[in-house]
Amino acid sequence: MSSTLERRVVTLGGTPVGAGPAVVIGGRVSLRERRGDAAATLPGRARLVEPSGAGDLPLIAERADGVVVGAAWTRDIPLVRAAAGLGLPVVVERRPSASLEEWLTLAGYCAAEADEQVILCEGGRLDLGLLRAARAASGRPVVADVRADPGLSAAAVAAGADGLIVADHCGAGPDGVPSGRSHGGAVGGVDGGVDGVERGVDGGVECGGVAGGRDGGRRGAEEAVTLVGALLRPETPGTLGECREAIDRVDAALATLLERRAALAGIVQTLKPVGGFAGRDAARERALVARMARRAPELGEDRLAAVMNAVIEAGLHLAEERRAGR
């Protein structure tokens, strides 16, 4: 199948999934895993909800931004059809033993019921090769559920994931239902959870006064979206705001790489027979700039030479300050 299919975009909670930057999605709720009163489990708006049965669907239609066709019941065709017909975006999980063809066939079946508003989801023990193949073959958005292993966030974004589903950031259990909520307003965008969660000033969320951005899994996912996405994910922003946000992501990646380069350069200074400014190797620096120009031909060697001179000098100044104990 061709990898040049037109990319489909699905809007989930007001945020496009499948175009632009990858997104972080919190607040997935499974009514199948959490038995009991569905209305009590969903007291307010939720991002993604998996039903336990057909009886949950009216409540999901009223309170969710999207419905999940869970991996455990993809062969329950009557329930799949009813869920896909709610008029919500449908997230189709791959059954662990399902082939690429079976996964895409099910997605196509749901798309016929859901006006093409379908997102593919790879979860459990992630097969990132299959995730990449599904995205290329279908043109549909594909997200990775990294709740079981947030350490795979960067790899998932590198494989092409359009989004990362993370554990709820308000002390949720494994079923994604928060164990505690504040009484604030709803979160805008996909990276919210259930109503009652407020956005913090750092772009994370606050739950009962505790910044959700402190959660390691979510923070790792956000870093993966920002840093790995800036390096590997092509973007074609259409507005000034989108352009600035894309530049901010690239700048964040640059800052991270510059800090790492400075640390490595500091080690070099301890290994060279002559360190500091006196130990600069002009021939090596020229070769470095020439190699960089092959990667960035539009900038060219002259502009890159000025940039790298500033980078090298900043690293040398930092190394000197560290040696002086400042």
C-alpha atoms as a PDB file:
ATOM      1  CA  MET A   1       0.000   0.000   0.000  1.00  0.00           C
ATOM      2  CA  SER A   2       1.117   3.554  -0.658  1.00  0.00           C
ATOM      3  CA  SER A   3       2.616   5.717   2.090  1.00  0.00           C
ATOM      4  CA  THR A   4       1.521   8.864   0.241  1.00  0.00           C
ATOM      5  CA  LEU A   5      -2.172   8.668   1.138  1.00  0.00           C
ATOM      6  CA  GLU A   6      -3.830  11.916   2.078  1.00  0.00           C
ATOM      7  CA  ARG A   7      -3.668  12.215   5.857  1.00  0.00           C
ATOM      8  CA  ARG A   8      -7.018  12.135   7.619  1.00  0.00           C
ATOM      9  CA  VAL A   9      -7.528  14.397  10.624  1.00  0.00           C
ATOM     10  CA  VAL A  10      -9.940  13.645  13.466  1.00  0.00           C
ATOM     11  CA  THR A  11     -10.929  16.347  15.947  1.00  0.00           C
ATOM     12  CA  LEU A  12     -11.050  15.068  19.519  1.00  0.00           C
ATOM     13  CA  GLY A  13     -12.149  17.444  22.229  1.00  0.00           C
ATOM     14  CA  GLY A  14     -11.513  20.412  19.943  1.00  0.00           C
ATOM     15  CA  THR A  15      -7.965  19.351  19.064  1.00  0.00           C
ATOM     16  CA  PRO A  16      -6.965  17.890  15.678  1.00  0.00           C
ATOM     17  CA  VAL A  17      -5.294  14.489  15.799  1.00  0.00           C
ATOM     18  CA  GLY A  18      -3.358  13.459  12.713  1.00  0.00           C
ATOM     19  CA  ALA A  19      -2.041  16.818  11.542  1.00  0.00           C
ATOM     20  CA  GLY A  20       0.517  19.111  13.085  1.00  0.00           C
ATOM     21  CA  PRO A  21       2.196  18.104  16.339  1.00  0.00           C
ATOM     22  CA  ALA A  22       1.506  14.851  18.133  1.00  0.00           C
ATOM     23  CA  VAL A  23      -0.789  15.290  21.135  1.00  0.00           C
ATOM     24  CA  VAL A  24      -0.893  13.939  24.676  1.00  0.00           C
ATOM     25  CA  ILE A  25      -4.283  12.492  25.646  1.00  0.00           C
ATOM     26  CA  GLY A  26      -5.214  11.946  29.277  1.00  0.00           C
ATOM     27  CA  GLY A  27      -8.398  10.844  30.950  1.00  0.00           C
ATOM     28  CA  ARG A  28      -9.208   7.550  29.263  1.00  0.00           C
ATOM     29  CA  VAL A  29     -11.942   5.751  31.208  1.00  0.00           C
ATOM     30  CA  SER A  30     -12.890   2.075  30.853  1.00  0.00           C
ATOM     31  CA  LEU A  31     -16.371   1.273  32.111  1.00  0.00           C
ATOM     32  CA  ARG A  32     -15.636  -2.360  31.237  1.00  0.00           C
ATOM     33  CA  GLU A  33     -12.765  -2.504  33.739  1.00  0.00           C
ATOM     34  CA  ARG A  34     -14.514  -0.399  36.359  1.00  0.00           C
ATOM     35  CA  ARG A  35     -17.765  -2.126  37.131  1.00  0.00           C
ATOM     36  CA  GLY A  36     -20.543  -0.233  38.839  1.00  0.00           C
ATOM     37  CA  ASP A  37     -22.731   2.765  38.178  1.00  0.00           C
ATOM     38  CA  ALA A  38     -21.546   4.323  34.903  1.00  0.00           C
ATOM     39  CA  ALA A  39     -23.115   7.685  35.789  1.00  0.00           C
ATOM     40  CA  ALA A  40     -21.138   7.786  39.035  1.00  0.00           C
ATOM     41  CA  THR A  41     -17.951   6.894  37.178  1.00  0.00           C
ATOM     42  CA  LEU A  42     -18.578   9.703  34.667  1.00  0.00           C
ATOM     43  CA  PRO A  43     -19.880  12.618  36.738  1.00  0.00           C
ATOM     44  CA  GLY A  44     -18.702  15.092  34.113  1.00  0.00           C
ATOM     45  CA  ARG A  45     -17.074  15.380  30.713  1.00  0.00           C
ATOM     46  CA  ALA A  46     -14.510  12.712  29.783  1.00  0.00           C
ATOM     47  CA  ARG A  47     -12.047  12.476  26.896  1.00  0.00           C
ATOM     48  CA  LEU A  48     -12.213   8.819  25.880  1.00  0.00           C
ATOM     49  CA  VAL A  49     -14.586   6.214  27.281  1.00  0.00           C
ATOM     50  CA  GLU A  50     -14.792   2.473  26.658  1.00  0.00           C
ATOM     51  CA  PRO A  51     -18.272   1.005  27.285  1.00  0.00           C
ATOM     52  CA  SER A  52     -18.935  -2.166  29.215  1.00  0.00           C
ATOM     53  CA  GLY A  53     -22.028  -2.817  27.137  1.00  0.00           C
ATOM     54  CA  ALA A  54     -24.687  -1.235  24.972  1.00  0.00           C
ATOM     55  CA  GLY A  55     -26.387   0.242  28.042  1.00  0.00           C
ATOM     56  CA  ASP A  56     -23.471   2.630  28.564  1.00  0.00           C
ATOM     57  CA  LEU A  57     -23.673   4.174  25.107  1.00  0.00           C
ATOM     58  CA  PRO A  58     -26.283   6.911  25.742  1.00  0.00           C
ATOM     59  CA  LEU A  59     -24.228   8.225  28.674  1.00  0.00           C
ATOM     60  CA  ILE A  60     -21.031   8.095  26.597  1.00  0.00           C
ATOM     61  CA  ALA A  61     -22.734   9.997  23.780  1.00  0.00           C
ATOM     62  CA  GLU A  62     -23.697  12.692  26.283  1.00  0.00           C
ATOM     63  CA  ARG A  63     -20.446  13.017  28.251  1.00  0.00           C
ATOM     64  CA  ALA A  64     -17.486  11.824  26.169  1.00  0.00           C
ATOM     65  CA  ASP A  65     -15.393  13.380  23.420  1.00  0.00           C
ATOM     66  CA  GLY A  66     -14.677   9.972  21.914  1.00  0.00           C
ATOM     67  CA  VAL A  67     -15.606   6.310  22.299  1.00  0.00           C
ATOM     68  CA  VAL A  68     -13.086   3.472  22.539  1.00  0.00           C
ATOM     69  CA  VAL A  69     -13.604   0.156  20.777  1.00  0.00           C
ATOM     70  CA  GLY A  70     -11.524  -1.880  23.211  1.00  0.00           C
ATOM     71  CA  ALA A  71      -9.122  -4.625  22.203  1.00  0.00           C
ATOM     72  CA  ALA A  72     -10.976  -7.167  24.351  1.00  0.00           C
ATOM     73  CA  TRP A  73     -14.246  -6.949  22.433  1.00  0.00           C
ATOM     74  CA  THR A  74     -13.404  -6.099  18.836  1.00  0.00           C
ATOM     75  CA  ARG A  75     -15.253  -9.261  17.753  1.00  0.00           C
ATOM     76  CA  ASP A  76     -18.506  -8.163  19.411  1.00  0.00           C
ATOM     77  CA  ILE A  77     -19.778  -6.725  16.146  1.00  0.00           C
ATOM     78  CA  PRO A  78     -23.206  -5.544  17.405  1.00  0.00           C
ATOM     79  CA  LEU A  79     -21.530  -3.508  20.179  1.00  0.00           C
ATOM     80  CA  VAL A  80     -18.818  -2.256  17.810  1.00  0.00           C
ATOM     81  CA  ARG A  81     -21.458  -1.094  15.363  1.00  0.00           C
ATOM     82  CA  ALA A  82     -23.519   0.599  18.080  1.00  0.00           C
ATOM     83  CA  ALA A  83     -20.471   2.356  19.531  1.00  0.00           C
ATOM     84  CA  ALA A  84     -19.315   3.529  16.116  1.00  0.00           C
ATOM     85  CA  GLY A  85     -22.777   4.910  15.415  1.00  0.00           C
ATOM     86  CA  LEU A  86     -22.827   7.302  18.378  1.00  0.00           C
ATOM     87  CA  GLY A  87     -21.685  10.247  16.288  1.00  0.00           C
ATOM     88  CA  LEU A  88     -18.419  10.552  18.244  1.00  0.00           C
ATOM     89  CA  PRO A  89     -14.854   9.985  17.077  1.00  0.00           C
ATOM     90  CA  VAL A  90     -14.046   6.288  17.441  1.00  0.00           C
ATOM     91  CA  VAL A  91     -10.704   5.015  18.781  1.00  0.00           C
ATOM     92  CA  VAL A  92     -10.161   1.473  17.488  1.00  0.00           C
ATOM     93  CA  GLU A  93      -7.722  -0.593  19.537  1.00  0.00           C
ATOM     94  CA  ARG A  94      -5.874  -3.472  17.942  1.00  0.00           C
ATOM     95  CA  ARG A  95      -6.577  -6.878  19.444  1.00  0.00           C
ATOM     96  CA  PRO A  96      -3.147  -8.284  20.466  1.00  0.00           C
ATOM     97  CA  SER A  97      -3.312 -11.168  18.004  1.00  0.00           C
ATOM     98  CA  ALA A  98      -4.849  -9.139  15.168  1.00  0.00           C
ATOM     99  CA  SER A  99      -2.932  -8.653  11.950  1.00  0.00           C
ATOM    100  CA  LEU A 100      -2.557  -5.304  10.224  1.00  0.00           C
ATOM    101  CA  GLU A 101      -5.244  -6.291   7.717  1.00  0.00           C
ATOM    102  CA  GLU A 102      -7.700  -7.288  10.459  1.00  0.00           C
ATOM    103  CA  TRP A 103      -7.082  -4.052  12.350  1.00  0.00           C
ATOM    104  CA  LEU A 104      -7.595  -1.863   9.296  1.00  0.00           C
ATOM    105  CA  THR A 105     -10.674  -3.830   8.235  1.00  0.00           C
ATOM    106  CA  LEU A 106     -12.280  -3.200  11.613  1.00  0.00           C
ATOM    107  CA  ALA A 107     -11.314   0.479  11.402  1.00  0.00           C
ATOM    108  CA  GLY A 108     -12.905   0.685   7.968  1.00  0.00           C
ATOM    109  CA  TYR A 109     -16.088  -0.904   9.300  1.00  0.00           C
ATOM    110  CA  CYS A 110     -16.224   1.666  12.106  1.00  0.00           C
ATOM    111  CA  ALA A 111     -15.437   4.499   9.686  1.00  0.00           C
ATOM    112  CA  ALA A 112     -18.509   3.634   7.623  1.00  0.00           C
ATOM    113  CA  GLU A 113     -20.648   4.102  10.741  1.00  0.00           C
ATOM    114  CA  ALA A 114     -18.717   7.080  12.146  1.00  0.00           C
ATOM    115  CA  ASP A 115     -18.372   9.316   9.074  1.00  0.00           C
ATOM    116  CA  GLU A 116     -14.648   8.485   8.813  1.00  0.00           C
ATOM    117  CA  GLN A 117     -13.950   9.876  12.295  1.00  0.00           C
ATOM    118  CA  VAL A 118     -11.691   6.978  13.302  1.00  0.00           C
ATOM    119  CA  ILE A 119      -8.393   6.900  15.175  1.00  0.00           C
ATOM    120  CA  LEU A 120      -6.326   3.717  15.355  1.00  0.00           C
ATOM    121  CA  CYS A 121      -4.807   2.795  18.718  1.00  0.00           C
ATOM    122  CA  GLU A 122      -1.897   0.465  19.496  1.00  0.00           C
ATOM    123  CA  GLY A 123      -1.736  -0.515  23.165  1.00  0.00           C
ATOM    124  CA  GLY A 124      -0.527  -3.186  25.547  1.00  0.00           C
ATOM    125  CA  ARG A 125       2.850  -4.498  24.414  1.00  0.00           C
ATOM    126  CA  LEU A 126       3.368  -1.947  21.678  1.00  0.00           C
ATOM    127  CA  ASP A 127       4.275  -3.160  18.202  1.00  0.00           C
ATOM    128  CA  LEU A 128       5.720   0.084  16.870  1.00  0.00           C
ATOM    129  CA  GLY A 129       6.480  -1.409  13.462  1.00  0.00           C
ATOM    130  CA  LEU A 130       2.803  -2.271  13.089  1.00  0.00           C
ATOM    131  CA  LEU A 131       1.830   1.200  14.299  1.00  0.00           C
ATOM    132  CA  ARG A 132       3.984   2.771  11.599  1.00  0.00           C
ATOM    133  CA  ALA A 133       2.614   0.399   8.952  1.00  0.00           C
ATOM    134  CA  ALA A 134      -0.994   1.126   9.942  1.00  0.00           C
ATOM    135  CA  ARG A 135      -0.452   4.862   9.673  1.00  0.00           C
ATOM    136  CA  ALA A 136       1.180   4.541   6.268  1.00  0.00           C
ATOM    137  CA  ALA A 137      -1.354   2.077   4.874  1.00  0.00           C
ATOM    138  CA  SER A 138      -4.543   3.726   6.115  1.00  0.00           C
ATOM    139  CA  GLY A 139      -3.878   7.470   6.182  1.00  0.00           C
ATOM    140  CA  ARG A 140      -5.719   7.525   9.511  1.00  0.00           C
ATOM    141  CA  PRO A 141      -4.388   8.997  12.750  1.00  0.00           C
ATOM    142  CA  VAL A 142      -2.695   6.427  14.977  1.00  0.00           C
ATOM    143  CA  VAL A 143      -2.119   6.844  18.703  1.00  0.00           C
ATOM    144  CA  ALA A 144      -0.108   4.767  21.160  1.00  0.00           C
ATOM    145  CA  ASP A 145      -1.467   3.902  24.585  1.00  0.00           C
ATOM    146  CA  VAL A 146       1.663   4.176  26.759  1.00  0.00           C
ATOM    147  CA  ARG A 147      -0.023   3.901  30.148  1.00  0.00           C
ATOM    148  CA  ALA A 148       1.619   0.525  30.795  1.00  0.00           C
ATOM    149  CA  ASP A 149       5.094   1.751  29.801  1.00  0.00           C
ATOM    150  CA  PRO A 150       5.497   5.539  29.556  1.00  0.00           C
ATOM    151  CA  GLY A 151       9.168   4.976  28.745  1.00  0.00           C
ATOM    152  CA  LEU A 152       8.096   4.064  25.213  1.00  0.00           C
ATOM    153  CA  SER A 153       6.708   7.555  24.554  1.00  0.00           C
ATOM    154  CA  ALA A 154       9.732   8.791  22.613  1.00  0.00           C
ATOM    155  CA  ALA A 155       9.938   5.610  20.549  1.00  0.00           C
ATOM    156  CA  ALA A 156       6.226   5.827  19.739  1.00  0.00           C
ATOM    157  CA  VAL A 157       6.527   9.419  18.504  1.00  0.00           C
ATOM    158  CA  ALA A 158       9.593   8.439  16.483  1.00  0.00           C
ATOM    159  CA  ALA A 159       7.558   5.621  14.924  1.00  0.00           C
ATOM    160  CA  GLY A 160       4.970   8.160  13.782  1.00  0.00           C
ATOM    161  CA  ALA A 161       2.332   8.145  16.535  1.00  0.00           C
ATOM    162  CA  ASP A 162      -0.034  11.085  16.186  1.00  0.00           C
ATOM    163  CA  GLY A 163      -0.786  10.989  19.895  1.00  0.00           C
ATOM    164  CA  LEU A 164       0.069   9.349  23.201  1.00  0.00           C
ATOM    165  CA  ILE A 165      -2.573   8.121  25.644  1.00  0.00           C
ATOM    166  CA  VAL A 166      -1.226   8.529  29.176  1.00  0.00           C
ATOM    167  CA  ALA A 167      -2.489   7.556  32.607  1.00  0.00           C
ATOM    168  CA  ASP A 168      -4.741  10.135  34.171  1.00  0.00           C
ATOM    169  CA  HIS A 169      -2.676  12.724  35.997  1.00  0.00           C
ATOM    170  CA  CYS A 170      -4.877  13.034  39.055  1.00  0.00           C
ATOM    171  CA  GLY A 171      -3.978   9.863  40.879  1.00  0.00           C
ATOM    172  CA  ALA A 172      -5.969   7.571  38.628  1.00  0.00           C
ATOM    173  CA  GLY A 173      -6.103   3.868  39.005  1.00  0.00           C
ATOM    174  CA  PRO A 174      -5.302   1.498  36.126  1.00  0.00           C
ATOM    175  CA  ASP A 175      -8.793   1.956  34.682  1.00  0.00           C
ATOM    176  CA  GLY A 176      -8.142   5.666  34.119  1.00  0.00           C
ATOM    177  CA  VAL A 177     -10.658   6.944  36.661  1.00  0.00           C
ATOM    178  CA  PRO A 178      -9.245   9.674  38.915  1.00  0.00           C
ATOM    179  CA  SER A 179      -9.100   8.872  42.606  1.00  0.00           C
ATOM    180  CA  GLY A 180      -9.356  12.572  43.473  1.00  0.00           C
ATOM    181  CA  ARG A 181     -10.539  15.715  41.693  1.00  0.00           C
ATOM    182  CA  SER A 182     -10.646  19.405  42.373  1.00  0.00           C
ATOM    183  CA  HIS A 183     -13.836  21.330  41.789  1.00  0.00           C
ATOM    184  CA  GLY A 184     -12.584  23.639  39.099  1.00  0.00           C
ATOM    185  CA  GLY A 185     -13.685  24.029  35.518  1.00  0.00           C
ATOM    186  CA  ALA A 186     -13.166  21.799  32.538  1.00  0.00           C
ATOM    187  CA  VAL A 187      -9.891  21.467  30.717  1.00  0.00           C
ATOM    188  CA  GLY A 188      -9.792  22.627  27.134  1.00  0.00           C
ATOM    189  CA  GLY A 189      -8.087  20.484  24.498  1.00  0.00           C
ATOM    190  CA  VAL A 190      -7.254  16.822  24.368  1.00  0.00           C
ATOM    191  CA  ASP A 191      -4.769  16.779  27.199  1.00  0.00           C
ATOM    192  CA  GLY A 192      -7.431  17.122  29.843  1.00  0.00           C
ATOM    193  CA  GLY A 193      -9.045  14.406  31.882  1.00  0.00           C
ATOM    194  CA  VAL A 194     -12.503  14.400  33.402  1.00  0.00           C
ATOM    195  CA  ASP A 195     -14.223  17.678  34.314  1.00  0.00           C
ATOM    196  CA  GLY A 196     -13.016  19.117  37.580  1.00  0.00           C
ATOM    197  CA  VAL A 197      -9.396  19.291  36.433  1.00  0.00           C
ATOM    198  CA  GLU A 198      -7.857  22.721  35.927  1.00  0.00           C
ATOM    199  CA  ARG A 199      -5.040  23.772  33.650  1.00  0.00           C
ATOM    200  CA  GLY A 200      -1.890  24.949  35.442  1.00  0.00           C
ATOM    201  CA  VAL A 201       0.146  27.952  34.398  1.00  0.00           C
ATOM    202  CA  ASP A 202       2.918  25.691  33.086  1.00  0.00           C
ATOM    203  CA  GLY A 203       0.624  24.161  30.499  1.00  0.00           C
ATOM    204  CA  GLY A 204       0.115  21.055  32.608  1.00  0.00           C
ATOM    205  CA  VAL A 205      -2.928  20.533  34.772  1.00  0.00           C
ATOM    206  CA  GLU A 206      -3.690  20.919  38.412  1.00  0.00           C
ATOM    207  CA  CYS A 207      -5.629  18.417  40.501  1.00  0.00           C
ATOM    208  CA  GLY A 208      -6.510  19.572  43.949  1.00  0.00           C
ATOM    209  CA  GLY A 209      -3.649  22.064  43.796  1.00  0.00           C
ATOM    210  CA  VAL A 210      -0.984  19.578  42.654  1.00  0.00           C
ATOM    211  CA  ALA A 211       0.465  20.238  39.221  1.00  0.00           C
ATOM    212  CA  GLY A 212      -0.246  17.301  36.968  1.00  0.00           C
ATOM    213  CA  GLY A 213       2.883  18.166  34.985  1.00  0.00           C
ATOM    214  CA  ARG A 214       4.895  16.706  37.861  1.00  0.00           C
ATOM    215  CA  ASP A 215       3.725  13.242  36.934  1.00  0.00           C
ATOM    216  CA  GLY A 216       6.703  11.460  35.399  1.00  0.00           C
ATOM    217  CA  GLY A 217       4.762   9.510  32.777  1.00  0.00           C
ATOM    218  CA  ARG A 218       2.870  12.503  31.505  1.00  0.00           C
ATOM    219  CA  ARG A 219       5.925  14.726  31.617  1.00  0.00           C
ATOM    220  CA  GLY A 220       7.870  12.135  29.635  1.00  0.00           C
ATOM    221  CA  ALA A 221       5.097  11.991  27.050  1.00  0.00           C
ATOM    222  CA  GLU A 222       5.031  15.779  26.739  1.00  0.00           C
ATOM    223  CA  GLU A 223       8.815  15.859  26.320  1.00  0.00           C
ATOM    224  CA  ALA A 224       8.619  13.161  23.634  1.00  0.00           C
ATOM    225  CA  VAL A 225       5.970  15.094  21.734  1.00  0.00           C
ATOM    226  CA  THR A 226       8.025  18.289  21.952  1.00  0.00           C
ATOM    227  CA  LEU A 227      11.586  17.086  21.412  1.00  0.00           C
ATOM    228  CA  VAL A 228      11.254  13.966  19.258  1.00  0.00           C
ATOM    229  CA  GLY A 229       8.371  15.506  17.346  1.00  0.00           C
ATOM    230  CA  ALA A 230      10.424  18.613  16.551  1.00  0.00           C
ATOM    231  CA  LEU A 231      13.186  16.462  15.091  1.00  0.00           C
ATOM    232  CA  LEU A 232      11.165  13.871  13.179  1.00  0.00           C
ATOM    233  CA  ARG A 233       7.594  15.028  12.643  1.00  0.00           C
ATOM    234  CA  PRO A 234       6.932  17.209   9.590  1.00  0.00           C
ATOM    235  CA  GLU A 235       4.583  20.128  10.160  1.00  0.00           C
ATOM    236  CA  THR A 236       2.897  22.581   7.805  1.00  0.00           C
ATOM    237  CA  PRO A 237       1.379  25.217  10.134  1.00  0.00           C
ATOM    238  CA  GLY A 238      -1.267  27.410   8.587  1.00  0.00           C
ATOM    239  CA  THR A 239      -1.466  30.303  11.025  1.00  0.00           C
ATOM    240  CA  LEU A 240       0.975  32.627  12.760  1.00  0.00           C
ATOM    241  CA  GLY A 241       0.137  31.053  16.115  1.00  0.00           C
ATOM    242  CA  GLU A 242       0.738  27.531  14.803  1.00  0.00           C
ATOM    243  CA  CYS A 243       4.039  28.647  13.261  1.00  0.00           C
ATOM    244  CA  ARG A 244       5.191  30.117  16.558  1.00  0.00           C
ATOM    245  CA  GLU A 245       4.215  26.977  18.444  1.00  0.00           C
ATOM    246  CA  ALA A 246       6.158  24.841  15.954  1.00  0.00           C
ATOM    247  CA  ILE A 247       9.189  27.126  16.323  1.00  0.00           C
ATOM    248  CA  ASP A 248       8.902  26.853  20.110  1.00  0.00           C
ATOM    249  CA  ARG A 249       9.100  23.056  19.818  1.00  0.00           C
ATOM    250  CA  VAL A 250      12.177  23.276  17.605  1.00  0.00           C
ATOM    251  CA  ASP A 251      13.751  25.767  20.020  1.00  0.00           C
ATOM    252  CA  ALA A 252      13.086  23.385  22.921  1.00  0.00           C
ATOM    253  CA  ALA A 253      14.855  20.607  21.022  1.00  0.00           C
ATOM    254  CA  LEU A 254      17.746  22.971  20.196  1.00  0.00           C
ATOM    255  CA  ALA A 255      18.121  23.982  23.844  1.00  0.00           C
ATOM    256  CA  THR A 256      18.194  20.347  24.944  1.00  0.00           C
ATOM    257  CA  LEU A 257      20.820  19.459  22.333  1.00  0.00           C
ATOM    258  CA  LEU A 258      22.926  22.541  23.111  1.00  0.00           C
ATOM    259  CA  GLU A 259      22.955  21.663  26.810  1.00  0.00           C
ATOM    260  CA  ARG A 260      24.023  18.133  25.971  1.00  0.00           C
ATOM    261  CA  ARG A 261      26.716  19.384  23.611  1.00  0.00           C
ATOM    262  CA  ALA A 262      28.055  21.724  26.273  1.00  0.00           C
ATOM    263  CA  ALA A 263      28.287  18.840  28.753  1.00  0.00           C
ATOM    264  CA  LEU A 264      30.204  16.679  26.256  1.00  0.00           C
ATOM    265  CA  ALA A 265      32.472  19.580  25.337  1.00  0.00           C
ATOM    266  CA  GLY A 266      33.239  20.040  29.018  1.00  0.00           C
ATOM    267  CA  ILE A 267      34.437  16.431  29.199  1.00  0.00           C
ATOM    268  CA  VAL A 268      36.597  17.017  26.116  1.00  0.00           C
ATOM    269  CA  GLN A 269      38.308  19.899  27.904  1.00  0.00           C
ATOM    270  CA  THR A 270      39.421  17.549  30.686  1.00  0.00           C
ATOM    271  CA  LEU A 271      40.884  15.075  28.174  1.00  0.00           C
ATOM    272  CA  LYS A 272      42.748  17.418  25.813  1.00  0.00           C
ATOM    273  CA  PRO A 273      46.433  18.126  26.531  1.00  0.00           C
ATOM    274  CA  VAL A 274      45.704  21.820  26.008  1.00  0.00           C
ATOM    275  CA  GLY A 275      42.186  22.882  26.902  1.00  0.00           C
ATOM    276  CA  GLY A 276      40.192  26.073  26.776  1.00  0.00           C
ATOM    277  CA  PHE A 277      40.376  28.650  24.012  1.00  0.00           C
ATOM    278  CA  ALA A 278      44.052  27.889  23.439  1.00  0.00           C
ATOM    279  CA  GLY A 279      43.193  24.312  22.518  1.00  0.00           C
ATOM    280  CA  ARG A 280      40.699  25.092  19.761  1.00  0.00           C
ATOM    281  CA  ASP A 281      41.192  23.018  16.625  1.00  0.00           C
ATOM    282  CA  ALA A 282      40.425  25.237  13.621  1.00  0.00           C
ATOM    283  CA  ALA A 283      40.672  22.378  11.114  1.00  0.00           C
ATOM    284  CA  ARG A 284      38.203  20.246  13.056  1.00  0.00           C
ATOM    285  CA  GLU A 285      35.804  23.171  13.367  1.00  0.00           C
ATOM    286  CA  ARG A 286      35.908  23.789   9.612  1.00  0.00           C
ATOM    287  CA  ALA A 287      35.208  20.105   8.959  1.00  0.00           C
ATOM    288  CA  LEU A 288      32.317  20.218  11.419  1.00  0.00           C
ATOM    289  CA  VAL A 289      30.760  23.200   9.653  1.00  0.00           C
ATOM    290  CA  ALA A 290      31.181  21.512   6.256  1.00  0.00           C
ATOM    291  CA  ARG A 291      29.359  18.400   7.519  1.00  0.00           C
ATOM    292  CA  MET A 292      26.571  20.519   8.967  1.00  0.00           C
ATOM    293  CA  ALA A 293      26.209  22.424   5.689  1.00  0.00           C
ATOM    294  CA  ARG A 294      25.453  19.136   3.939  1.00  0.00           C
ATOM    295  CA  ARG A 295      22.500  18.720   6.293  1.00  0.00           C
ATOM    296  CA  ALA A 296      21.484  22.390   6.086  1.00  0.00           C
ATOM    297  CA  PRO A 297      22.458  23.511   2.579  1.00  0.00           C
ATOM    298  CA  GLU A 298      20.193  26.574   2.584  1.00  0.00           C
ATOM    299  CA  LEU A 299      21.988  28.006   5.604  1.00  0.00           C
ATOM    300  CA  GLY A 300      25.356  27.235   4.047  1.00  0.00           C
ATOM    301  CA  GLU A 301      28.833  27.190   5.557  1.00  0.00           C
ATOM    302  CA  ASP A 302      29.224  30.928   6.166  1.00  0.00           C
ATOM    303  CA  ARG A 303      26.073  31.246   8.291  1.00  0.00           C
ATOM    304  CA  LEU A 304      26.684  27.949  10.061  1.00  0.00           C
ATOM    305  CA  ALA A 305      30.267  28.957  10.853  1.00  0.00           C
ATOM    306  CA  ALA A 306      28.985  31.975  12.762  1.00  0.00           C
ATOM    307  CA  VAL A 307      26.406  29.881  14.616  1.00  0.00           C
ATOM    308  CA  MET A 308      28.889  27.165  15.578  1.00  0.00           C
ATOM    309  CA  ASN A 309      31.522  29.681  16.634  1.00  0.00           C
ATOM    310  CA  ALA A 310      28.998  31.113  19.118  1.00  0.00           C
ATOM    311  CA  VAL A 311      28.058  27.602  20.314  1.00  0.00           C
ATOM    312  CA  ILE A 312      31.696  26.551  20.771  1.00  0.00           C
ATOM    313  CA  GLU A 313      32.629  29.744  22.575  1.00  0.00           C
ATOM    314  CA  ALA A 314      29.630  29.439  24.905  1.00  0.00           C
ATOM    315  CA  GLY A 315      30.712  25.891  25.765  1.00  0.00           C
ATOM    316  CA  LEU A 316      34.291  26.989  26.415  1.00  0.00           C
ATOM    317  CA  HIS A 317      33.186  29.853  28.654  1.00  0.00           C
ATOM    318  CA  LEU A 318      30.975  27.420  30.604  1.00  0.00           C
ATOM    319  CA  ALA A 319      33.862  24.968  31.002  1.00  0.00           C
ATOM    320  CA  GLU A 320      36.113  27.752  32.303  1.00  0.00           C
ATOM    321  CA  GLU A 321      33.481  28.881  34.782  1.00  0.00           C
ATOM    322  CA  ARG A 322      33.111  25.331  36.066  1.00  0.00           C
ATOM    323  CA  ARG A 323      36.866  24.957  36.481  1.00  0.00           C
ATOM    324  CA  ALA A 324      36.913  28.227  38.423  1.00  0.00           C
ATOM    325  CA  GLY A 325      34.118  26.921  40.650  1.00  0.00           C
ATOM    326  CA  ARG A 326      31.635  29.603  39.708  1.00  0.00           C
END
